[in-house]
Amino acid sequence: MLSTRRTTFAAIAAPLALVSLLLVGCTASPPTGIHAVAGDGSAVVSFATDTAAGVAFDYEVRSIPGDHTGFATGSTSSLAVRVDGLDNGTEYRFVVRSRGRDGYWSEWSAPTGPVTPKGRPAAPTISRVAGFVDLESGCTARVTFTPGSDNGAPITGYEVSVSGGSAPVRGTSSPIEVPGLTPHTPYAFTVRAINAAGAGPASAVFTGSCS
């Protein structure tokens, strides 16, 4: 009788052990090696996956703050997820979690270091072009403008272009003087701003003369 009970117990225990093993193998762990790189209104978050155990196949990335999310499914040893809808000039951190074959999500990972999305600055608006004549340099135009949005990164300079003129003239604030022009001659002026993300679009054309 005792032998029969032991046999019955063994017959029940063996499948239970197998099921337990399979469940452990299906449980996902939080991804590791998480790194974020900011873009224009977005960030790309890369991380190492749990493919060594073959358990995780779905991944969710979430921003802090804002709860902006990105998703990926994959079986490679590393993945990268783009998160859109971020505000330029706002500092973000990101966390990642994974979901295994058992359908359960892991805990969230530790957050990444802070990154700040940024974009090229908006176009300035030219409000006035006036000039003065110098005996040595000819006529110099003084271009006055209002800056646009810096789009998340401080503006480091401006660039004024003149139709028919020489190379663009750079400056750090309004107004910017453009020398070497012909008096009483109309020119088309544009200005654009520059920040760490690059040069922004040119302003609307402002036609004025150096006189």
N, C-alpha and C. Protein backbone atom coordinates (compact mmCIF):
# COMPACT_ATOMS: atom_id res chain seq x y z
N MET A 1 0.83 -1.21 0.00
CA MET A 1 0.00 0.00 0.00
C MET A 1 0.87 1.25 0.00
N LEU A 2 1.92 1.26 0.83
CA LEU A 2 2.83 2.39 0.91
C LEU A 2 3.53 2.61 -0.42
N SER A 3 3.92 1.53 -1.05
CA SER A 3 4.59 1.60 -2.35
C SER A 3 3.68 2.22 -3.40
N THR A 4 2.40 1.87 -3.33
CA THR A 4 1.45 2.42 -4.29
C THR A 4 1.29 3.92 -4.11
N ARG A 5 1.25 4.39 -2.85
CA ARG A 5 1.12 5.82 -2.57
C ARG A 5 2.33 6.60 -3.09
N ARG A 6 3.53 5.99 -2.86
CA ARG A 6 4.74 6.66 -3.33
C ARG A 6 4.74 6.78 -4.85
N THR A 7 4.29 5.73 -5.52
CA THR A 7 4.24 5.75 -6.98
C THR A 7 3.26 6.79 -7.48
N THR A 8 2.10 6.88 -6.81
CA THR A 8 1.08 7.87 -7.19
C THR A 8 1.60 9.28 -6.98
N PHE A 9 2.27 9.52 -5.83
CA PHE A 9 2.83 10.84 -5.53
C PHE A 9 3.88 11.24 -6.57
N ALA A 10 4.72 10.29 -6.93
CA ALA A 10 5.77 10.55 -7.91
C ALA A 10 5.17 10.89 -9.27
N ALA A 11 4.09 10.18 -9.61
CA ALA A 11 3.44 10.42 -10.89
C ALA A 11 2.83 11.81 -10.95
N ILE A 12 2.35 12.33 -9.81
CA ILE A 12 1.77 13.67 -9.74
C ILE A 12 2.86 14.73 -9.66
N ALA A 13 3.90 14.45 -8.87
CA ALA A 13 4.95 15.43 -8.61
C ALA A 13 5.77 15.74 -9.86
N ALA A 14 6.02 14.74 -10.69
CA ALA A 14 6.86 14.94 -11.86
C ALA A 14 6.28 15.98 -12.82
N PRO A 15 5.00 15.89 -13.22
CA PRO A 15 4.44 16.94 -14.08
C PRO A 15 4.41 18.30 -13.42
N LEU A 16 4.15 18.35 -12.10
CA LEU A 16 4.14 19.62 -11.39
C LEU A 16 5.50 20.29 -11.43
N ALA A 17 6.54 19.50 -11.27
CA ALA A 17 7.91 20.02 -11.32
C ALA A 17 8.23 20.58 -12.70
N LEU A 18 7.73 19.86 -13.74
CA LEU A 18 7.96 20.31 -15.11
C LEU A 18 7.23 21.63 -15.37
N VAL A 19 5.98 21.72 -14.90
CA VAL A 19 5.21 22.95 -15.05
C VAL A 19 5.88 24.10 -14.33
N SER A 20 6.37 23.83 -13.11
CA SER A 20 7.07 24.86 -12.34
C SER A 20 8.30 25.35 -13.07
N LEU A 21 9.04 24.43 -13.68
CA LEU A 21 10.25 24.78 -14.41
C LEU A 21 9.90 25.65 -15.63
N LEU A 22 8.83 25.25 -16.31
CA LEU A 22 8.42 26.01 -17.49
C LEU A 22 7.98 27.42 -17.11
N LEU A 23 7.27 27.55 -15.99
CA LEU A 23 6.80 28.86 -15.55
C LEU A 23 7.97 29.76 -15.19
N VAL A 24 8.97 29.21 -14.52
CA VAL A 24 10.16 29.98 -14.19
C VAL A 24 10.84 30.45 -15.46
N GLY A 25 10.89 29.58 -16.46
CA GLY A 25 11.52 29.93 -17.73
C GLY A 25 10.75 30.95 -18.52
N CYS A 26 9.46 31.14 -18.20
CA CYS A 26 8.63 32.10 -18.92
C CYS A 26 8.60 33.47 -18.27
N THR A 27 9.11 33.59 -17.07
CA THR A 27 9.03 34.84 -16.33
C THR A 27 10.09 35.82 -16.82
N ALA A 28 9.66 37.03 -17.17
CA ALA A 28 10.57 38.04 -17.72
C ALA A 28 11.26 38.82 -16.60
N SER A 29 12.45 39.31 -16.91
CA SER A 29 13.20 40.16 -16.00
C SER A 29 13.32 41.55 -16.62
N PRO A 30 13.49 42.59 -15.81
CA PRO A 30 13.66 43.93 -16.38
C PRO A 30 14.89 44.00 -17.26
N PRO A 31 14.83 44.67 -18.40
CA PRO A 31 16.01 44.83 -19.26
C PRO A 31 17.14 45.57 -18.53
N THR A 32 18.33 45.41 -19.03
CA THR A 32 19.51 46.04 -18.43
C THR A 32 20.25 46.87 -19.48
N GLY A 33 21.29 47.57 -19.04
CA GLY A 33 22.11 48.35 -19.96
C GLY A 33 21.32 49.41 -20.70
N ILE A 34 20.43 50.09 -20.01
CA ILE A 34 19.52 51.04 -20.66
C ILE A 34 20.22 52.38 -20.88
N HIS A 35 20.05 52.91 -22.09
CA HIS A 35 20.71 54.16 -22.46
C HIS A 35 19.78 54.97 -23.35
N ALA A 36 19.67 56.27 -23.11
CA ALA A 36 18.77 57.13 -23.89
C ALA A 36 19.58 58.21 -24.61
N VAL A 37 19.18 58.49 -25.86
CA VAL A 37 19.77 59.56 -26.65
C VAL A 37 18.63 60.46 -27.13
N ALA A 38 18.71 61.74 -26.81
CA ALA A 38 17.63 62.67 -27.14
C ALA A 38 17.72 63.12 -28.58
N GLY A 39 16.54 63.39 -29.17
CA GLY A 39 16.44 63.94 -30.51
C GLY A 39 15.56 65.17 -30.50
N ASP A 40 14.95 65.46 -31.62
CA ASP A 40 14.03 66.59 -31.74
C ASP A 40 12.63 66.13 -31.37
N GLY A 41 12.18 66.44 -30.16
CA GLY A 41 10.87 66.01 -29.69
C GLY A 41 10.76 64.51 -29.49
N SER A 42 11.89 63.85 -29.34
CA SER A 42 11.88 62.40 -29.21
C SER A 42 13.15 61.94 -28.50
N ALA A 43 13.22 60.64 -28.23
CA ALA A 43 14.43 60.02 -27.69
C ALA A 43 14.45 58.56 -28.13
N VAL A 44 15.64 58.04 -28.34
CA VAL A 44 15.82 56.62 -28.66
C VAL A 44 16.42 55.93 -27.45
N VAL A 45 15.71 54.93 -26.94
CA VAL A 45 16.13 54.21 -25.73
C VAL A 45 16.58 52.81 -26.15
N SER A 46 17.84 52.49 -25.89
CA SER A 46 18.38 51.17 -26.22
C SER A 46 18.63 50.39 -24.93
N PHE A 47 18.58 49.06 -25.03
CA PHE A 47 18.74 48.21 -23.85
C PHE A 47 19.06 46.79 -24.26
N ALA A 48 19.62 46.03 -23.31
CA ALA A 48 19.90 44.61 -23.52
C ALA A 48 18.66 43.80 -23.15
N THR A 49 18.38 42.75 -23.91
CA THR A 49 17.20 41.91 -23.66
C THR A 49 17.59 40.62 -22.94
N ASP A 50 16.58 39.83 -22.60
CA ASP A 50 16.76 38.61 -21.82
C ASP A 50 16.75 37.38 -22.71
N THR A 51 17.39 37.48 -23.89
CA THR A 51 17.33 36.38 -24.85
C THR A 51 18.12 35.16 -24.40
N ALA A 52 19.07 35.33 -23.49
CA ALA A 52 19.86 34.18 -23.03
C ALA A 52 18.95 33.14 -22.40
N ALA A 53 17.93 33.60 -21.70
CA ALA A 53 16.97 32.67 -21.09
C ALA A 53 15.80 32.40 -22.02
N GLY A 54 15.69 33.16 -23.11
CA GLY A 54 14.62 32.96 -24.06
C GLY A 54 13.25 33.23 -23.50
N VAL A 55 13.12 34.25 -22.65
CA VAL A 55 11.85 34.43 -21.95
C VAL A 55 11.06 35.66 -22.37
N ALA A 56 11.71 36.75 -22.73
CA ALA A 56 10.98 38.00 -22.93
C ALA A 56 10.86 38.31 -24.41
N PHE A 57 9.68 38.75 -24.82
CA PHE A 57 9.54 39.10 -26.22
C PHE A 57 8.86 40.45 -26.43
N ASP A 58 8.16 40.99 -25.45
CA ASP A 58 7.55 42.32 -25.56
C ASP A 58 8.26 43.28 -24.62
N TYR A 59 8.42 44.54 -25.09
CA TYR A 59 9.11 45.53 -24.28
C TYR A 59 8.36 46.85 -24.33
N GLU A 60 8.27 47.51 -23.19
CA GLU A 60 7.62 48.81 -23.10
C GLU A 60 8.58 49.81 -22.48
N VAL A 61 8.71 50.96 -23.12
CA VAL A 61 9.54 52.06 -22.62
C VAL A 61 8.61 53.20 -22.20
N ARG A 62 8.88 53.80 -21.05
CA ARG A 62 8.04 54.90 -20.56
C ARG A 62 8.91 56.06 -20.11
N SER A 63 8.44 57.27 -20.41
CA SER A 63 9.19 58.47 -20.02
C SER A 63 8.77 58.94 -18.64
N ILE A 64 9.71 59.58 -17.96
CA ILE A 64 9.45 60.26 -16.69
C ILE A 64 10.04 61.66 -16.81
N PRO A 65 9.19 62.72 -16.81
CA PRO A 65 7.74 62.71 -16.62
C PRO A 65 7.01 62.47 -17.93
N GLY A 66 5.69 62.55 -17.90
CA GLY A 66 4.88 62.55 -19.11
C GLY A 66 4.24 61.24 -19.49
N ASP A 67 4.81 60.13 -19.04
CA ASP A 67 4.27 58.81 -19.38
C ASP A 67 4.13 58.61 -20.88
N HIS A 68 5.04 59.17 -21.67
CA HIS A 68 5.07 58.86 -23.10
C HIS A 68 5.66 57.45 -23.25
N THR A 69 5.12 56.67 -24.17
CA THR A 69 5.53 55.27 -24.26
C THR A 69 6.00 54.89 -25.66
N GLY A 70 6.77 53.82 -25.70
CA GLY A 70 7.17 53.19 -26.94
C GLY A 70 7.20 51.69 -26.73
N PHE A 71 6.97 50.91 -27.79
CA PHE A 71 6.88 49.45 -27.65
C PHE A 71 7.75 48.78 -28.71
N ALA A 72 8.18 47.57 -28.38
CA ALA A 72 8.94 46.78 -29.35
C ALA A 72 8.75 45.30 -29.04
N THR A 73 8.89 44.47 -30.06
CA THR A 73 8.90 43.03 -29.92
C THR A 73 10.12 42.52 -30.67
N GLY A 74 10.92 41.67 -30.03
CA GLY A 74 12.11 41.18 -30.70
C GLY A 74 12.79 40.06 -29.96
N SER A 75 13.72 39.43 -30.65
CA SER A 75 14.45 38.31 -30.06
C SER A 75 15.95 38.50 -30.14
N THR A 76 16.41 39.69 -30.53
CA THR A 76 17.85 39.95 -30.58
C THR A 76 18.36 40.28 -29.18
N SER A 77 19.67 40.33 -29.06
CA SER A 77 20.27 40.56 -27.74
C SER A 77 20.14 42.00 -27.27
N SER A 78 19.79 42.91 -28.19
CA SER A 78 19.58 44.30 -27.81
C SER A 78 18.53 44.91 -28.73
N LEU A 79 17.86 45.90 -28.23
CA LEU A 79 16.81 46.59 -28.99
C LEU A 79 16.91 48.09 -28.75
N ALA A 80 16.30 48.86 -29.64
CA ALA A 80 16.20 50.31 -29.47
C ALA A 80 14.76 50.72 -29.77
N VAL A 81 14.19 51.53 -28.91
CA VAL A 81 12.80 51.97 -29.04
C VAL A 81 12.77 53.49 -29.10
N ARG A 82 12.05 54.03 -30.08
CA ARG A 82 11.89 55.48 -30.21
C ARG A 82 10.64 55.92 -29.46
N VAL A 83 10.78 56.95 -28.65
CA VAL A 83 9.65 57.53 -27.92
C VAL A 83 9.42 58.94 -28.45
N ASP A 84 8.24 59.17 -29.02
CA ASP A 84 7.90 60.47 -29.61
C ASP A 84 7.00 61.27 -28.68
N GLY A 85 6.71 62.49 -29.11
CA GLY A 85 5.79 63.35 -28.36
C GLY A 85 6.40 64.06 -27.18
N LEU A 86 7.74 64.10 -27.10
CA LEU A 86 8.40 64.76 -25.98
C LEU A 86 8.49 66.26 -26.21
N ASP A 87 8.60 67.00 -25.13
CA ASP A 87 8.72 68.46 -25.20
C ASP A 87 10.18 68.86 -25.24
N ASN A 88 10.57 69.57 -26.28
CA ASN A 88 11.93 70.08 -26.35
C ASN A 88 12.21 71.00 -25.17
N GLY A 89 13.40 70.86 -24.59
CA GLY A 89 13.78 71.67 -23.46
C GLY A 89 13.39 71.08 -22.11
N THR A 90 12.67 69.96 -22.12
CA THR A 90 12.27 69.29 -20.87
C THR A 90 13.18 68.09 -20.62
N GLU A 91 13.63 67.94 -19.38
CA GLU A 91 14.52 66.83 -19.02
C GLU A 91 13.70 65.56 -18.76
N TYR A 92 14.12 64.46 -19.36
CA TYR A 92 13.42 63.18 -19.21
C TYR A 92 14.38 62.08 -18.76
N ARG A 93 13.81 61.11 -18.05
CA ARG A 93 14.44 59.82 -17.80
C ARG A 93 13.50 58.74 -18.33
N PHE A 94 14.02 57.53 -18.52
CA PHE A 94 13.21 56.47 -19.11
C PHE A 94 13.39 55.16 -18.33
N VAL A 95 12.30 54.42 -18.24
CA VAL A 95 12.33 53.08 -17.64
C VAL A 95 11.78 52.09 -18.66
N VAL A 96 12.19 50.82 -18.51
CA VAL A 96 11.79 49.78 -19.46
C VAL A 96 11.34 48.54 -18.69
N ARG A 97 10.35 47.85 -19.22
CA ARG A 97 9.94 46.57 -18.66
C ARG A 97 9.70 45.58 -19.79
N SER A 98 9.70 44.30 -19.46
CA SER A 98 9.54 43.25 -20.47
C SER A 98 8.42 42.30 -20.06
N ARG A 99 7.87 41.59 -21.06
CA ARG A 99 6.80 40.63 -20.81
C ARG A 99 7.20 39.29 -21.42
N GLY A 100 7.17 38.25 -20.59
CA GLY A 100 7.56 36.92 -21.04
C GLY A 100 6.40 36.13 -21.63
N ARG A 101 6.66 34.87 -21.93
CA ARG A 101 5.64 34.02 -22.55
C ARG A 101 4.48 33.72 -21.61
N ASP A 102 4.67 33.94 -20.31
CA ASP A 102 3.56 33.72 -19.38
C ASP A 102 2.56 34.87 -19.38
N GLY A 103 2.86 35.95 -20.13
CA GLY A 103 1.93 37.06 -20.26
C GLY A 103 2.06 38.12 -19.18
N TYR A 104 2.97 37.94 -18.25
CA TYR A 104 3.13 38.90 -17.15
C TYR A 104 4.29 39.86 -17.42
N TRP A 105 4.07 41.12 -17.04
CA TRP A 105 5.12 42.12 -17.18
C TRP A 105 6.08 42.03 -16.00
N SER A 106 7.35 42.31 -16.29
CA SER A 106 8.35 42.38 -15.23
C SER A 106 8.21 43.70 -14.47
N GLU A 107 9.03 43.87 -13.44
CA GLU A 107 9.13 45.16 -12.77
C GLU A 107 9.79 46.16 -13.73
N TRP A 108 9.59 47.44 -13.48
CA TRP A 108 10.27 48.45 -14.27
C TRP A 108 11.76 48.46 -13.93
N SER A 109 12.56 48.75 -14.92
CA SER A 109 14.00 48.87 -14.71
C SER A 109 14.33 50.13 -13.93
N ALA A 110 15.58 50.24 -13.52
CA ALA A 110 16.06 51.51 -12.96
C ALA A 110 16.03 52.55 -14.07
N PRO A 111 15.81 53.83 -13.76
CA PRO A 111 15.72 54.86 -14.80
C PRO A 111 17.08 55.17 -15.44
N THR A 112 17.01 55.65 -16.65
CA THR A 112 18.23 56.10 -17.33
C THR A 112 18.69 57.41 -16.73
N GLY A 113 19.85 57.85 -17.17
CA GLY A 113 20.27 59.21 -16.83
C GLY A 113 19.41 60.22 -17.57
N PRO A 114 19.44 61.48 -17.16
CA PRO A 114 18.59 62.49 -17.78
C PRO A 114 19.07 62.89 -19.18
N VAL A 115 18.11 63.08 -20.09
CA VAL A 115 18.39 63.63 -21.42
C VAL A 115 17.35 64.70 -21.72
N THR A 116 17.71 65.65 -22.56
CA THR A 116 16.82 66.76 -22.89
C THR A 116 16.67 66.88 -24.40
N PRO A 117 15.49 66.58 -24.95
CA PRO A 117 15.27 66.76 -26.38
C PRO A 117 15.44 68.22 -26.80
N LYS A 118 15.91 68.41 -28.02
CA LYS A 118 16.07 69.77 -28.54
C LYS A 118 15.95 69.73 -30.06
N GLY A 119 15.58 70.87 -30.62
CA GLY A 119 15.47 70.99 -32.07
C GLY A 119 16.11 72.28 -32.54
N ARG A 120 16.17 72.45 -33.85
CA ARG A 120 16.71 73.68 -34.41
C ARG A 120 15.79 74.85 -34.09
N PRO A 121 16.36 76.03 -33.92
CA PRO A 121 15.53 77.18 -33.52
C PRO A 121 14.58 77.63 -34.63
N ALA A 122 13.50 78.26 -34.22
CA ALA A 122 12.53 78.80 -35.17
C ALA A 122 13.11 80.03 -35.86
N ALA A 123 12.48 80.41 -36.96
CA ALA A 123 12.97 81.55 -37.74
C ALA A 123 12.72 82.86 -37.00
N PRO A 124 13.70 83.77 -37.01
CA PRO A 124 13.48 85.12 -36.46
C PRO A 124 12.56 85.93 -37.38
N THR A 125 12.20 87.11 -36.93
CA THR A 125 11.38 88.03 -37.73
C THR A 125 12.11 89.36 -37.86
N ILE A 126 12.42 89.74 -39.09
CA ILE A 126 13.10 91.03 -39.32
C ILE A 126 12.06 92.14 -39.23
N SER A 127 12.37 93.17 -38.46
CA SER A 127 11.44 94.29 -38.28
C SER A 127 11.91 95.58 -38.95
N ARG A 128 13.23 95.67 -39.19
CA ARG A 128 13.73 96.94 -39.73
C ARG A 128 15.11 96.75 -40.34
N VAL A 129 15.35 97.45 -41.45
CA VAL A 129 16.69 97.53 -42.05
C VAL A 129 16.99 99.00 -42.29
N ALA A 130 18.05 99.48 -41.68
CA ALA A 130 18.49 100.86 -41.86
C ALA A 130 19.98 100.84 -42.15
N GLY A 131 20.52 101.94 -42.64
CA GLY A 131 21.93 101.93 -42.99
C GLY A 131 22.61 103.25 -42.77
N PHE A 132 23.92 103.20 -42.87
CA PHE A 132 24.71 104.42 -42.78
C PHE A 132 25.92 104.27 -43.69
N VAL A 133 26.40 105.38 -44.20
CA VAL A 133 27.51 105.37 -45.15
C VAL A 133 28.82 105.65 -44.43
N ASP A 134 29.80 104.79 -44.73
CA ASP A 134 31.14 104.96 -44.19
C ASP A 134 32.09 105.17 -45.37
N LEU A 135 33.00 106.13 -45.27
CA LEU A 135 33.89 106.44 -46.39
C LEU A 135 34.79 105.27 -46.76
N GLU A 136 35.11 104.41 -45.79
CA GLU A 136 36.03 103.30 -46.07
C GLU A 136 35.30 102.02 -46.49
N SER A 137 34.19 101.70 -45.78
CA SER A 137 33.52 100.41 -46.04
C SER A 137 32.28 100.53 -46.90
N GLY A 138 31.96 101.74 -47.37
CA GLY A 138 30.76 101.92 -48.18
C GLY A 138 29.54 102.01 -47.27
N CYS A 139 28.45 101.47 -47.72
CA CYS A 139 27.22 101.55 -46.94
C CYS A 139 27.05 100.29 -46.09
N THR A 140 26.70 100.48 -44.84
CA THR A 140 26.49 99.36 -43.91
C THR A 140 25.03 99.32 -43.49
N ALA A 141 24.40 98.16 -43.66
CA ALA A 141 23.00 97.99 -43.27
C ALA A 141 22.92 97.43 -41.87
N ARG A 142 22.04 97.98 -41.06
CA ARG A 142 21.81 97.49 -39.71
C ARG A 142 20.47 96.73 -39.72
N VAL A 143 20.55 95.40 -39.53
CA VAL A 143 19.37 94.54 -39.62
C VAL A 143 18.86 94.25 -38.20
N THR A 144 17.64 94.69 -37.92
CA THR A 144 17.02 94.49 -36.61
C THR A 144 15.97 93.39 -36.71
N PHE A 145 15.97 92.47 -35.74
CA PHE A 145 15.05 91.33 -35.81
C PHE A 145 14.65 90.87 -34.41
N THR A 146 13.58 90.08 -34.37
CA THR A 146 13.10 89.48 -33.13
C THR A 146 13.35 87.98 -33.19
N PRO A 147 14.01 87.40 -32.18
CA PRO A 147 14.27 85.95 -32.21
C PRO A 147 12.98 85.13 -32.15
N GLY A 148 13.03 83.92 -32.71
CA GLY A 148 11.96 82.95 -32.55
C GLY A 148 12.27 82.03 -31.38
N SER A 149 11.51 80.96 -31.24
CA SER A 149 11.73 79.99 -30.16
C SER A 149 13.09 79.31 -30.31
N ASP A 150 13.75 79.07 -29.17
CA ASP A 150 15.04 78.36 -29.23
C ASP A 150 14.85 76.86 -29.37
N ASN A 151 13.62 76.36 -29.22
CA ASN A 151 13.26 74.95 -29.43
C ASN A 151 14.06 74.01 -28.52
N GLY A 152 14.33 74.45 -27.32
CA GLY A 152 14.92 73.55 -26.33
C GLY A 152 16.40 73.67 -26.11
N ALA A 153 17.09 74.50 -26.89
CA ALA A 153 18.54 74.69 -26.71
C ALA A 153 18.86 76.16 -26.92
N PRO A 154 19.67 76.77 -26.06
CA PRO A 154 19.95 78.20 -26.18
C PRO A 154 20.51 78.57 -27.55
N ILE A 155 20.04 79.69 -28.08
CA ILE A 155 20.55 80.20 -29.36
C ILE A 155 21.95 80.75 -29.14
N THR A 156 22.88 80.31 -29.96
CA THR A 156 24.28 80.72 -29.81
C THR A 156 24.70 81.79 -30.81
N GLY A 157 23.90 82.03 -31.85
CA GLY A 157 24.26 83.04 -32.83
C GLY A 157 23.21 83.17 -33.92
N TYR A 158 23.42 84.19 -34.77
CA TYR A 158 22.52 84.46 -35.89
C TYR A 158 23.35 84.67 -37.14
N GLU A 159 22.71 84.47 -38.29
CA GLU A 159 23.38 84.58 -39.57
C GLU A 159 22.49 85.37 -40.52
N VAL A 160 22.99 86.51 -41.01
CA VAL A 160 22.24 87.36 -41.93
C VAL A 160 22.77 87.15 -43.35
N SER A 161 21.85 86.88 -44.27
CA SER A 161 22.21 86.73 -45.69
C SER A 161 21.57 87.86 -46.49
N VAL A 162 22.29 88.30 -47.53
CA VAL A 162 21.82 89.41 -48.36
C VAL A 162 21.89 88.99 -49.81
N SER A 163 20.82 89.20 -50.55
CA SER A 163 20.83 88.88 -51.97
C SER A 163 21.87 89.72 -52.69
N GLY A 164 22.70 89.07 -53.48
CA GLY A 164 23.73 89.79 -54.20
C GLY A 164 24.90 90.20 -53.35
N GLY A 165 24.87 89.84 -52.06
CA GLY A 165 25.95 90.19 -51.16
C GLY A 165 27.01 89.11 -51.10
N SER A 166 27.93 89.26 -50.19
CA SER A 166 29.00 88.29 -50.03
C SER A 166 28.56 87.19 -49.07
N ALA A 167 29.49 86.62 -48.35
CA ALA A 167 29.17 85.54 -47.41
C ALA A 167 28.26 86.06 -46.29
N PRO A 168 27.44 85.18 -45.71
CA PRO A 168 26.57 85.60 -44.60
C PRO A 168 27.37 86.23 -43.46
N VAL A 169 26.74 87.17 -42.78
CA VAL A 169 27.37 87.87 -41.67
C VAL A 169 26.78 87.32 -40.37
N ARG A 170 27.65 86.99 -39.43
CA ARG A 170 27.20 86.40 -38.17
C ARG A 170 27.27 87.39 -37.02
N GLY A 171 26.39 87.15 -36.04
CA GLY A 171 26.36 87.96 -34.84
C GLY A 171 25.69 87.20 -33.73
N THR A 172 25.73 87.74 -32.54
CA THR A 172 25.16 87.05 -31.39
C THR A 172 23.83 87.62 -30.93
N SER A 173 23.45 88.80 -31.46
CA SER A 173 22.19 89.41 -31.05
C SER A 173 21.78 90.45 -32.09
N SER A 174 20.54 90.91 -31.96
CA SER A 174 20.03 91.96 -32.85
C SER A 174 20.43 93.34 -32.31
N PRO A 175 20.79 94.30 -33.18
CA PRO A 175 20.88 94.18 -34.65
C PRO A 175 22.24 93.66 -35.09
N ILE A 176 22.30 93.23 -36.36
CA ILE A 176 23.56 92.79 -36.96
C ILE A 176 23.86 93.70 -38.14
N GLU A 177 25.10 94.15 -38.23
CA GLU A 177 25.49 95.08 -39.29
C GLU A 177 26.12 94.32 -40.46
N VAL A 178 25.67 94.70 -41.67
CA VAL A 178 26.17 94.09 -42.91
C VAL A 178 26.87 95.18 -43.72
N PRO A 179 28.21 95.16 -43.82
CA PRO A 179 28.94 96.22 -44.53
C PRO A 179 29.07 95.93 -46.03
N GLY A 180 29.62 96.92 -46.72
CA GLY A 180 30.00 96.74 -48.12
C GLY A 180 28.88 96.77 -49.11
N LEU A 181 27.75 97.41 -48.79
CA LEU A 181 26.62 97.48 -49.71
C LEU A 181 26.61 98.80 -50.47
N THR A 182 25.83 98.84 -51.54
CA THR A 182 25.73 100.04 -52.37
C THR A 182 24.60 100.92 -51.87
N PRO A 183 24.86 102.20 -51.65
CA PRO A 183 23.79 103.09 -51.15
C PRO A 183 22.60 103.15 -52.11
N HIS A 184 21.42 103.31 -51.52
CA HIS A 184 20.17 103.52 -52.26
C HIS A 184 19.86 102.35 -53.21
N THR A 185 20.34 101.18 -52.87
CA THR A 185 20.07 99.98 -53.69
C THR A 185 19.27 98.98 -52.86
N PRO A 186 18.16 98.49 -53.38
CA PRO A 186 17.35 97.53 -52.60
C PRO A 186 18.03 96.15 -52.53
N TYR A 187 17.96 95.57 -51.36
CA TYR A 187 18.49 94.22 -51.13
C TYR A 187 17.42 93.38 -50.41
N ALA A 188 17.51 92.08 -50.59
CA ALA A 188 16.63 91.15 -49.87
C ALA A 188 17.43 90.54 -48.72
N PHE A 189 16.95 90.75 -47.49
CA PHE A 189 17.64 90.27 -46.30
C PHE A 189 16.88 89.10 -45.68
N THR A 190 17.61 88.13 -45.18
CA THR A 190 17.04 87.06 -44.35
C THR A 190 17.98 86.80 -43.18
N VAL A 191 17.45 86.25 -42.09
CA VAL A 191 18.26 85.92 -40.92
C VAL A 191 17.80 84.58 -40.38
N ARG A 192 18.72 83.81 -39.88
CA ARG A 192 18.38 82.53 -39.25
C ARG A 192 19.17 82.38 -37.96
N ALA A 193 18.62 81.60 -37.03
CA ALA A 193 19.26 81.39 -35.73
C ALA A 193 19.97 80.05 -35.70
N ILE A 194 20.94 79.93 -34.79
CA ILE A 194 21.75 78.71 -34.66
C ILE A 194 21.80 78.30 -33.19
N ASN A 195 21.60 77.01 -32.92
CA ASN A 195 21.80 76.48 -31.57
C ASN A 195 22.53 75.15 -31.67
N ALA A 196 22.57 74.40 -30.57
CA ALA A 196 23.34 73.14 -30.55
C ALA A 196 22.80 72.11 -31.52
N ALA A 197 21.53 72.24 -31.91
CA ALA A 197 20.94 71.29 -32.85
C ALA A 197 21.21 71.65 -34.30
N GLY A 198 21.70 72.87 -34.54
CA GLY A 198 22.01 73.29 -35.90
C GLY A 198 21.38 74.62 -36.24
N ALA A 199 21.43 74.98 -37.52
CA ALA A 199 20.86 76.23 -37.99
C ALA A 199 19.39 76.04 -38.33
N GLY A 200 18.56 76.96 -37.89
CA GLY A 200 17.14 76.89 -38.16
C GLY A 200 16.79 77.45 -39.52
N PRO A 201 15.51 77.49 -39.86
CA PRO A 201 15.08 78.03 -41.15
C PRO A 201 15.27 79.54 -41.21
N ALA A 202 15.39 80.04 -42.44
CA ALA A 202 15.56 81.48 -42.63
C ALA A 202 14.24 82.20 -42.40
N SER A 203 14.37 83.44 -42.01
CA SER A 203 13.19 84.29 -41.82
C SER A 203 12.54 84.59 -43.17
N ALA A 204 11.38 85.20 -43.11
CA ALA A 204 10.78 85.74 -44.33
C ALA A 204 11.70 86.84 -44.88
N VAL A 205 11.68 86.99 -46.19
CA VAL A 205 12.53 88.00 -46.83
C VAL A 205 12.05 89.39 -46.47
N PHE A 206 13.00 90.23 -46.12
CA PHE A 206 12.73 91.65 -45.84
C PHE A 206 13.52 92.46 -46.86
N THR A 207 12.81 93.22 -47.68
CA THR A 207 13.47 94.03 -48.70
C THR A 207 13.72 95.43 -48.17
N GLY A 208 14.96 95.83 -48.21
CA GLY A 208 15.33 97.15 -47.72
C GLY A 208 16.56 97.65 -48.44
N SER A 209 16.87 98.92 -48.27
CA SER A 209 18.04 99.50 -48.91
C SER A 209 18.99 100.07 -47.87
N CYS A 210 20.23 100.15 -48.24
CA CYS A 210 21.24 100.71 -47.35
C CYS A 210 21.41 102.17 -47.73
N SER A 211 20.78 103.03 -46.94
CA SER A 211 20.84 104.45 -47.28
C SER A 211 20.76 105.29 -46.01
